[in-house]
Amino acid sequence: MKYMVAELMFTVKEATYENGMVCLKMSDQKEIRFPIGINTKLKNATDQQRKNIEIICNGTGLHWPDLDEDLSVTGIMEGKFGY
């Protein structure tokens, strides 16, 4: 399996939802935040659905099982937040 350098260097250790933002704590101690309003599924979800975040693919992705939504860390870093 091929990986991008960013996928190997920066993985998510913790993912939470608070105050309209998805908050990621990364393996290098940085934090990344983005507003739910830029993703249609997250924007239209309940707070309970937004809070149910799974870290997948060894920390390189996020999954919201209640919404069937997946985002990659690389995509988030590139400004791609889904639809």
PDB file of N, CA and C in Angstrom:
ATOM      1  N   MET A   1       0.829  -1.168   0.000  1.00  0.00           N
ATOM      2  CA  MET A   1       0.000   0.000   0.000  1.00  0.00           C
ATOM      3  C   MET A   1       0.882   1.242   0.000  1.00  0.00           C
ATOM      4  N   LYS A   2       0.550   2.207  -0.842  1.00  0.00           N
ATOM      5  CA  LYS A   2       1.313   3.434  -0.925  1.00  0.00           C
ATOM      6  C   LYS A   2       0.720   4.474   0.018  1.00  0.00           C
ATOM      7  N   TYR A   3       1.579   5.197   0.689  1.00  0.00           N
ATOM      8  CA  TYR A   3       1.163   6.272   1.577  1.00  0.00           C
ATOM      9  C   TYR A   3       1.856   7.557   1.165  1.00  0.00           C
ATOM     10  N   MET A   4       1.193   8.658   1.416  1.00  0.00           N
ATOM     11  CA  MET A   4       1.835   9.957   1.240  1.00  0.00           C
ATOM     12  C   MET A   4       2.672  10.222   2.483  1.00  0.00           C
ATOM     13  N   VAL A   5       3.706  11.016   2.351  1.00  0.00           N
ATOM     14  CA  VAL A   5       4.567  11.341   3.483  1.00  0.00           C
ATOM     15  C   VAL A   5       3.747  11.945   4.618  1.00  0.00           C
ATOM     16  N   ALA A   6       2.802  12.835   4.297  1.00  0.00           N
ATOM     17  CA  ALA A   6       1.979  13.475   5.333  1.00  0.00           C
ATOM     18  C   ALA A   6       1.184  12.436   6.114  1.00  0.00           C
ATOM     19  N   GLU A   7       0.714  11.387   5.455  1.00  0.00           N
ATOM     20  CA  GLU A   7      -0.049  10.345   6.139  1.00  0.00           C
ATOM     21  C   GLU A   7       0.804   9.604   7.155  1.00  0.00           C
ATOM     22  N   LEU A   8       2.051   9.438   6.876  1.00  0.00           N
ATOM     23  CA  LEU A   8       2.937   8.731   7.795  1.00  0.00           C
ATOM     24  C   LEU A   8       3.436   9.628   8.913  1.00  0.00           C
ATOM     25  N   MET A   9       3.552  10.917   8.649  1.00  0.00           N
ATOM     26  CA  MET A   9       4.108  11.841   9.633  1.00  0.00           C
ATOM     27  C   MET A   9       3.066  12.384  10.592  1.00  0.00           C
ATOM     28  N   PHE A  10       1.846  12.595  10.122  1.00  0.00           N
ATOM     29  CA  PHE A  10       0.820  13.238  10.928  1.00  0.00           C
ATOM     30  C   PHE A  10      -0.399  12.337  11.047  1.00  0.00           C
ATOM     31  N   THR A  11      -0.592  11.800  12.218  1.00  0.00           N
ATOM     32  CA  THR A  11      -1.770  10.977  12.448  1.00  0.00           C
ATOM     33  C   THR A  11      -2.596  11.582  13.582  1.00  0.00           C
ATOM     34  N   VAL A  12      -3.872  11.270  13.567  1.00  0.00           N
ATOM     35  CA  VAL A  12      -4.788  11.764  14.594  1.00  0.00           C
ATOM     36  C   VAL A  12      -4.712  10.856  15.808  1.00  0.00           C
ATOM     37  N   LYS A  13      -4.565  11.459  16.967  1.00  0.00           N
ATOM     38  CA  LYS A  13      -4.558  10.712  18.230  1.00  0.00           C
ATOM     39  C   LYS A  13      -5.879  10.869  18.969  1.00  0.00           C
ATOM     40  N   GLU A  14      -6.579  11.990  18.725  1.00  0.00           N
ATOM     41  CA  GLU A  14      -7.859  12.242  19.384  1.00  0.00           C
ATOM     42  C   GLU A  14      -8.712  13.122  18.478  1.00  0.00           C
ATOM     43  N   ALA A  15      -9.986  12.798  18.368  1.00  0.00           N
ATOM     44  CA  ALA A  15     -10.917  13.583  17.556  1.00  0.00           C
ATOM     45  C   ALA A  15     -12.166  13.859  18.379  1.00  0.00           C
ATOM     46  N   THR A  16     -12.549  15.125  18.455  1.00  0.00           N
ATOM     47  CA  THR A  16     -13.724  15.513  19.216  1.00  0.00           C
ATOM     48  C   THR A  16     -14.529  16.546  18.438  1.00  0.00           C
ATOM     49  N   TYR A  17     -15.754  16.738  18.892  1.00  0.00           N
ATOM     50  CA  TYR A  17     -16.612  17.793  18.349  1.00  0.00           C
ATOM     51  C   TYR A  17     -16.987  18.707  19.498  1.00  0.00           C
ATOM     52  N   GLU A  18     -16.796  20.009  19.316  1.00  0.00           N
ATOM     53  CA  GLU A  18     -17.184  20.972  20.351  1.00  0.00           C
ATOM     54  C   GLU A  18     -17.440  22.340  19.735  1.00  0.00           C
ATOM     55  N   ASN A  19     -18.512  22.962  20.152  1.00  0.00           N
ATOM     56  CA  ASN A  19     -18.842  24.334  19.745  1.00  0.00           C
ATOM     57  C   ASN A  19     -18.793  24.565  18.235  1.00  0.00           C
ATOM     58  N   GLY A  20     -19.367  23.641  17.470  1.00  0.00           N
ATOM     59  CA  GLY A  20     -19.426  23.812  16.023  1.00  0.00           C
ATOM     60  C   GLY A  20     -18.150  23.495  15.282  1.00  0.00           C
ATOM     61  N   MET A  21     -17.168  22.915  15.977  1.00  0.00           N
ATOM     62  CA  MET A  21     -15.879  22.610  15.355  1.00  0.00           C
ATOM     63  C   MET A  21     -15.502  21.147  15.567  1.00  0.00           C
ATOM     64  N   VAL A  22     -14.910  20.533  14.551  1.00  0.00           N
ATOM     65  CA  VAL A  22     -14.258  19.235  14.707  1.00  0.00           C
ATOM     66  C   VAL A  22     -12.820  19.551  15.107  1.00  0.00           C
ATOM     67  N   CYS A  23     -12.376  18.946  16.191  1.00  0.00           N
ATOM     68  CA  CYS A  23     -11.058  19.237  16.754  1.00  0.00           C
ATOM     69  C   CYS A  23     -10.197  17.981  16.727  1.00  0.00           C
ATOM     70  N   LEU A  24      -9.041  18.083  16.113  1.00  0.00           N
ATOM     71  CA  LEU A  24      -8.136  16.943  15.992  1.00  0.00           C
ATOM     72  C   LEU A  24      -6.845  17.229  16.736  1.00  0.00           C
ATOM     73  N   LYS A  25      -6.444  16.304  17.590  1.00  0.00           N
ATOM     74  CA  LYS A  25      -5.127  16.377  18.229  1.00  0.00           C
ATOM     75  C   LYS A  25      -4.243  15.397  17.488  1.00  0.00           C
ATOM     76  N   MET A  26      -3.151  15.923  16.949  1.00  0.00           N
ATOM     77  CA  MET A  26      -2.291  15.150  16.079  1.00  0.00           C
ATOM     78  C   MET A  26      -1.140  14.516  16.855  1.00  0.00           C
ATOM     79  N   SER A  27      -0.487  13.556  16.223  1.00  0.00           N
ATOM     80  CA  SER A  27       0.634  12.845  16.844  1.00  0.00           C
ATOM     81  C   SER A  27       1.820  13.766  17.130  1.00  0.00           C
ATOM     82  N   ASP A  28       1.927  14.870  16.404  1.00  0.00           N
ATOM     83  CA  ASP A  28       3.031  15.814  16.620  1.00  0.00           C
ATOM     84  C   ASP A  28       2.629  16.949  17.575  1.00  0.00           C
ATOM     85  N   GLN A  29       1.539  16.746  18.321  1.00  0.00           N
ATOM     86  CA  GLN A  29       1.030  17.673  19.333  1.00  0.00           C
ATOM     87  C   GLN A  29       0.313  18.897  18.755  1.00  0.00           C
ATOM     88  N   LYS A  30       0.209  19.020  17.438  1.00  0.00           N
ATOM     89  CA  LYS A  30      -0.541  20.123  16.846  1.00  0.00           C
ATOM     90  C   LYS A  30      -2.038  19.831  16.968  1.00  0.00           C
ATOM     91  N   GLU A  31      -2.829  20.881  16.857  1.00  0.00           N
ATOM     92  CA  GLU A  31      -4.275  20.747  16.820  1.00  0.00           C
ATOM     93  C   GLU A  31      -4.790  21.343  15.520  1.00  0.00           C
ATOM     94  N   ILE A  32      -5.721  20.652  14.921  1.00  0.00           N
ATOM     95  CA  ILE A  32      -6.379  21.117  13.707  1.00  0.00           C
ATOM     96  C   ILE A  32      -7.860  21.213  14.031  1.00  0.00           C
ATOM     97  N   ARG A  33      -8.479  22.310  13.627  1.00  0.00           N
ATOM     98  CA  ARG A  33      -9.910  22.506  13.843  1.00  0.00           C
ATOM     99  C   ARG A  33     -10.539  22.969  12.535  1.00  0.00           C
ATOM    100  N   PHE A  34     -11.761  22.485  12.300  1.00  0.00           N
ATOM    101  CA  PHE A  34     -12.506  23.014  11.169  1.00  0.00           C
ATOM    102  C   PHE A  34     -13.993  23.045  11.520  1.00  0.00           C
ATOM    103  N   PRO A  35     -14.712  24.044  10.971  1.00  0.00           N
ATOM    104  CA  PRO A  35     -16.128  24.187  11.279  1.00  0.00           C
ATOM    105  C   PRO A  35     -16.971  23.145  10.556  1.00  0.00           C
ATOM    106  N   ILE A  36     -17.983  22.654  11.243  1.00  0.00           N
ATOM    107  CA  ILE A  36     -18.838  21.626  10.645  1.00  0.00           C
ATOM    108  C   ILE A  36     -19.616  22.145   9.445  1.00  0.00           C
ATOM    109  N   GLY A  37     -19.796  23.444   9.364  1.00  0.00           N
ATOM    110  CA  GLY A  37     -20.590  24.025   8.289  1.00  0.00           C
ATOM    111  C   GLY A  37     -20.029  23.825   6.900  1.00  0.00           C
ATOM    112  N   ILE A  38     -18.777  23.423   6.783  1.00  0.00           N
ATOM    113  CA  ILE A  38     -18.191  23.228   5.451  1.00  0.00           C
ATOM    114  C   ILE A  38     -18.361  21.794   4.947  1.00  0.00           C
ATOM    115  N   ASN A  39     -19.058  20.964   5.716  1.00  0.00           N
ATOM    116  CA  ASN A  39     -19.367  19.594   5.300  1.00  0.00           C
ATOM    117  C   ASN A  39     -20.873  19.396   5.477  1.00  0.00           C
ATOM    118  N   THR A  40     -21.571  19.114   4.392  1.00  0.00           N
ATOM    119  CA  THR A  40     -23.034  19.024   4.418  1.00  0.00           C
ATOM    120  C   THR A  40     -23.552  17.995   5.410  1.00  0.00           C
ATOM    121  N   LYS A  41     -22.952  16.823   5.449  1.00  0.00           N
ATOM    122  CA  LYS A  41     -23.430  15.784   6.365  1.00  0.00           C
ATOM    123  C   LYS A  41     -23.257  16.201   7.819  1.00  0.00           C
ATOM    124  N   LEU A  42     -22.124  16.796   8.147  1.00  0.00           N
ATOM    125  CA  LEU A  42     -21.898  17.246   9.517  1.00  0.00           C
ATOM    126  C   LEU A  42     -22.805  18.432   9.858  1.00  0.00           C
ATOM    127  N   LYS A  43     -22.972  19.320   8.909  1.00  0.00           N
ATOM    128  CA  LYS A  43     -23.804  20.503   9.117  1.00  0.00           C
ATOM    129  C   LYS A  43     -25.252  20.121   9.434  1.00  0.00           C
ATOM    130  N   ASN A  44     -25.763  19.102   8.763  1.00  0.00           N
ATOM    131  CA  ASN A  44     -27.156  18.701   8.920  1.00  0.00           C
ATOM    132  C   ASN A  44     -27.367  17.635   9.996  1.00  0.00           C
ATOM    133  N   ALA A  45     -26.323  17.247  10.688  1.00  0.00           N
ATOM    134  CA  ALA A  45     -26.395  16.186  11.703  1.00  0.00           C
ATOM    135  C   ALA A  45     -26.749  16.755  13.080  1.00  0.00           C
ATOM    136  N   THR A  46     -27.100  15.855  13.982  1.00  0.00           N
ATOM    137  CA  THR A  46     -27.326  16.251  15.370  1.00  0.00           C
ATOM    138  C   THR A  46     -25.972  16.319  16.083  1.00  0.00           C
ATOM    139  N   ASP A  47     -25.951  16.980  17.220  1.00  0.00           N
ATOM    140  CA  ASP A  47     -24.703  17.032  17.993  1.00  0.00           C
ATOM    141  C   ASP A  47     -24.243  15.638  18.384  1.00  0.00           C
ATOM    142  N   GLN A  48     -25.169  14.765  18.729  1.00  0.00           N
ATOM    143  CA  GLN A  48     -24.819  13.385  19.100  1.00  0.00           C
ATOM    144  C   GLN A  48     -24.137  12.672  17.930  1.00  0.00           C
ATOM    145  N   GLN A  49     -24.657  12.838  16.720  1.00  0.00           N
ATOM    146  CA  GLN A  49     -24.052  12.224  15.536  1.00  0.00           C
ATOM    147  C   GLN A  49     -22.676  12.820  15.262  1.00  0.00           C
ATOM    148  N   ARG A  50     -22.532  14.108  15.438  1.00  0.00           N
ATOM    149  CA  ARG A  50     -21.243  14.776  15.200  1.00  0.00           C
ATOM    150  C   ARG A  50     -20.181  14.312  16.189  1.00  0.00           C
ATOM    151  N   LYS A  51     -20.587  14.054  17.416  1.00  0.00           N
ATOM    152  CA  LYS A  51     -19.643  13.645  18.464  1.00  0.00           C
ATOM    153  C   LYS A  51     -19.176  12.203  18.306  1.00  0.00           C
ATOM    154  N   ASN A  52     -19.907  11.404  17.564  1.00  0.00           N
ATOM    155  CA  ASN A  52     -19.564   9.993  17.386  1.00  0.00           C
ATOM    156  C   ASN A  52     -18.541   9.859  16.248  1.00  0.00           C
ATOM    157  N   ILE A  53     -17.289  10.164  16.567  1.00  0.00           N
ATOM    158  CA  ILE A  53     -16.199  10.150  15.587  1.00  0.00           C
ATOM    159  C   ILE A  53     -15.276   8.969  15.890  1.00  0.00           C
ATOM    160  N   GLU A  54     -14.963   8.197  14.864  1.00  0.00           N
ATOM    161  CA  GLU A  54     -13.997   7.104  15.006  1.00  0.00           C
ATOM    162  C   GLU A  54     -12.729   7.478  14.249  1.00  0.00           C
ATOM    163  N   ILE A  55     -11.595   7.182  14.840  1.00  0.00           N
ATOM    164  CA  ILE A  55     -10.307   7.345  14.164  1.00  0.00           C
ATOM    165  C   ILE A  55     -10.028   6.023  13.453  1.00  0.00           C
ATOM    166  N   ILE A  56      -9.790   6.085  12.151  1.00  0.00           N
ATOM    167  CA  ILE A  56      -9.614   4.871  11.354  1.00  0.00           C
ATOM    168  C   ILE A  56      -8.282   4.893  10.611  1.00  0.00           C
ATOM    169  N   CYS A  57      -7.944   3.767  10.028  1.00  0.00           N
ATOM    170  CA  CYS A  57      -6.757   3.627   9.168  1.00  0.00           C
ATOM    171  C   CYS A  57      -5.484   4.092   9.870  1.00  0.00           C
ATOM    172  N   ASN A  58      -5.287   3.600  11.083  1.00  0.00           N
ATOM    173  CA  ASN A  58      -4.083   3.925  11.859  1.00  0.00           C
ATOM    174  C   ASN A  58      -3.891   5.421  12.061  1.00  0.00           C
ATOM    175  N   GLY A  59      -4.997   6.134  12.233  1.00  0.00           N
ATOM    176  CA  GLY A  59      -4.913   7.568  12.509  1.00  0.00           C
ATOM    177  C   GLY A  59      -4.862   8.454  11.287  1.00  0.00           C
ATOM    178  N   THR A  60      -5.053   7.889  10.098  1.00  0.00           N
ATOM    179  CA  THR A  60      -4.994   8.697   8.881  1.00  0.00           C
ATOM    180  C   THR A  60      -6.377   9.081   8.366  1.00  0.00           C
ATOM    181  N   GLY A  61      -7.425   8.659   9.071  1.00  0.00           N
ATOM    182  CA  GLY A  61      -8.770   8.981   8.634  1.00  0.00           C
ATOM    183  C   GLY A  61      -9.738   9.107   9.793  1.00  0.00           C
ATOM    184  N   LEU A  62     -10.889   9.709   9.491  1.00  0.00           N
ATOM    185  CA  LEU A  62     -11.969   9.865  10.456  1.00  0.00           C
ATOM    186  C   LEU A  62     -13.235   9.258   9.861  1.00  0.00           C
ATOM    187  N   HIS A  63     -14.063   8.694  10.739  1.00  0.00           N
ATOM    188  CA  HIS A  63     -15.319   8.085  10.294  1.00  0.00           C
ATOM    189  C   HIS A  63     -16.424   8.455  11.264  1.00  0.00           C
ATOM    190  N   TRP A  64     -17.546   8.894  10.723  1.00  0.00           N
ATOM    191  CA  TRP A  64     -18.753   9.150  11.503  1.00  0.00           C
ATOM    192  C   TRP A  64     -19.747   8.051  11.141  1.00  0.00           C
ATOM    193  N   PRO A  65     -19.841   6.980  11.953  1.00  0.00           N
ATOM    194  CA  PRO A  65     -20.680   5.829  11.596  1.00  0.00           C
ATOM    195  C   PRO A  65     -22.162   6.171  11.467  1.00  0.00           C
ATOM    196  N   ASP A  66     -22.653   7.109  12.249  1.00  0.00           N
ATOM    197  CA  ASP A  66     -24.068   7.470  12.174  1.00  0.00           C
ATOM    198  C   ASP A  66     -24.399   8.218  10.889  1.00  0.00           C
ATOM    199  N   LEU A  67     -23.389   8.772  10.248  1.00  0.00           N
ATOM    200  CA  LEU A  67     -23.594   9.591   9.049  1.00  0.00           C
ATOM    201  C   LEU A  67     -23.030   8.950   7.785  1.00  0.00           C
ATOM    202  N   ASP A  68     -22.319   7.836   7.935  1.00  0.00           N
ATOM    203  CA  ASP A  68     -21.618   7.195   6.823  1.00  0.00           C
ATOM    204  C   ASP A  68     -20.717   8.207   6.114  1.00  0.00           C
ATOM    205  N   GLU A  69     -19.942   8.931   6.912  1.00  0.00           N
ATOM    206  CA  GLU A  69     -19.045   9.962   6.387  1.00  0.00           C
ATOM    207  C   GLU A  69     -17.608   9.643   6.773  1.00  0.00           C
ATOM    208  N   ASP A  70     -16.697   9.764   5.825  1.00  0.00           N
ATOM    209  CA  ASP A  70     -15.274   9.540   6.044  1.00  0.00           C
ATOM    210  C   ASP A  70     -14.488  10.730   5.505  1.00  0.00           C
ATOM    211  N   LEU A  71     -13.478  11.131   6.254  1.00  0.00           N
ATOM    212  CA  LEU A  71     -12.546  12.167   5.793  1.00  0.00           C
ATOM    213  C   LEU A  71     -11.129  11.691   6.077  1.00  0.00           C
ATOM    214  N   SER A  72     -10.226  11.979   5.168  1.00  0.00           N
ATOM    215  CA  SER A  72      -8.821  11.639   5.397  1.00  0.00           C
ATOM    216  C   SER A  72      -8.103  12.836   6.018  1.00  0.00           C
ATOM    217  N   VAL A  73      -7.102  12.557   6.812  1.00  0.00           N
ATOM    218  CA  VAL A  73      -6.307  13.625   7.409  1.00  0.00           C
ATOM    219  C   VAL A  73      -5.604  14.418   6.306  1.00  0.00           C
ATOM    220  N   THR A  74      -5.106  13.731   5.313  1.00  0.00           N
ATOM    221  CA  THR A  74      -4.456  14.418   4.195  1.00  0.00           C
ATOM    222  C   THR A  74      -5.437  15.364   3.515  1.00  0.00           C
ATOM    223  N   GLY A  75      -6.644  14.892   3.273  1.00  0.00           N
ATOM    224  CA  GLY A  75      -7.666  15.740   2.657  1.00  0.00           C
ATOM    225  C   GLY A  75      -7.973  16.963   3.503  1.00  0.00           C
ATOM    226  N   ILE A  76      -8.113  16.771   4.805  1.00  0.00           N
ATOM    227  CA  ILE A  76      -8.375  17.892   5.708  1.00  0.00           C
ATOM    228  C   ILE A  76      -7.236  18.902   5.626  1.00  0.00           C
ATOM    229  N   MET A  77      -6.002  18.414   5.636  1.00  0.00           N
ATOM    230  CA  MET A  77      -4.844  19.306   5.561  1.00  0.00           C
ATOM    231  C   MET A  77      -4.788  20.044   4.225  1.00  0.00           C
ATOM    232  N   GLU A  78      -5.374  19.441   3.172  1.00  0.00           N
ATOM    233  CA  GLU A  78      -5.419  20.074   1.854  1.00  0.00           C
ATOM    234  C   GLU A  78      -6.645  20.961   1.671  1.00  0.00           C
ATOM    235  N   GLY A  79      -7.502  21.036   2.704  1.00  0.00           N
ATOM    236  CA  GLY A  79      -8.702  21.846   2.618  1.00  0.00           C
ATOM    237  C   GLY A  79      -9.868  21.154   1.962  1.00  0.00           C
ATOM    238  N   LYS A  80      -9.841  19.832   1.908  1.00  0.00           N
ATOM    239  CA  LYS A  80     -10.943  19.042   1.328  1.00  0.00           C
ATOM    240  C   LYS A  80     -11.747  18.446   2.481  1.00  0.00           C
ATOM    241  N   PHE A  81     -12.952  18.983   2.664  1.00  0.00           N
ATOM    242  CA  PHE A  81     -13.761  18.602   3.810  1.00  0.00           C
ATOM    243  C   PHE A  81     -15.035  17.856   3.429  1.00  0.00           C
ATOM    244  N   GLY A  82     -15.074  17.286   2.250  1.00  0.00           N
ATOM    245  CA  GLY A  82     -16.277  16.591   1.788  1.00  0.00           C
ATOM    246  C   GLY A  82     -17.268  17.570   1.215  1.00  0.00           C
ATOM    247  N   TYR A  83     -18.504  17.121   1.093  1.00  0.00           N
ATOM    248  CA  TYR A  83     -19.546  17.935   0.458  1.00  0.00           C
ATOM    249  C   TYR A  83     -20.574  18.388   1.449  1.00  0.00           C
TER     250      TYR A  83
END
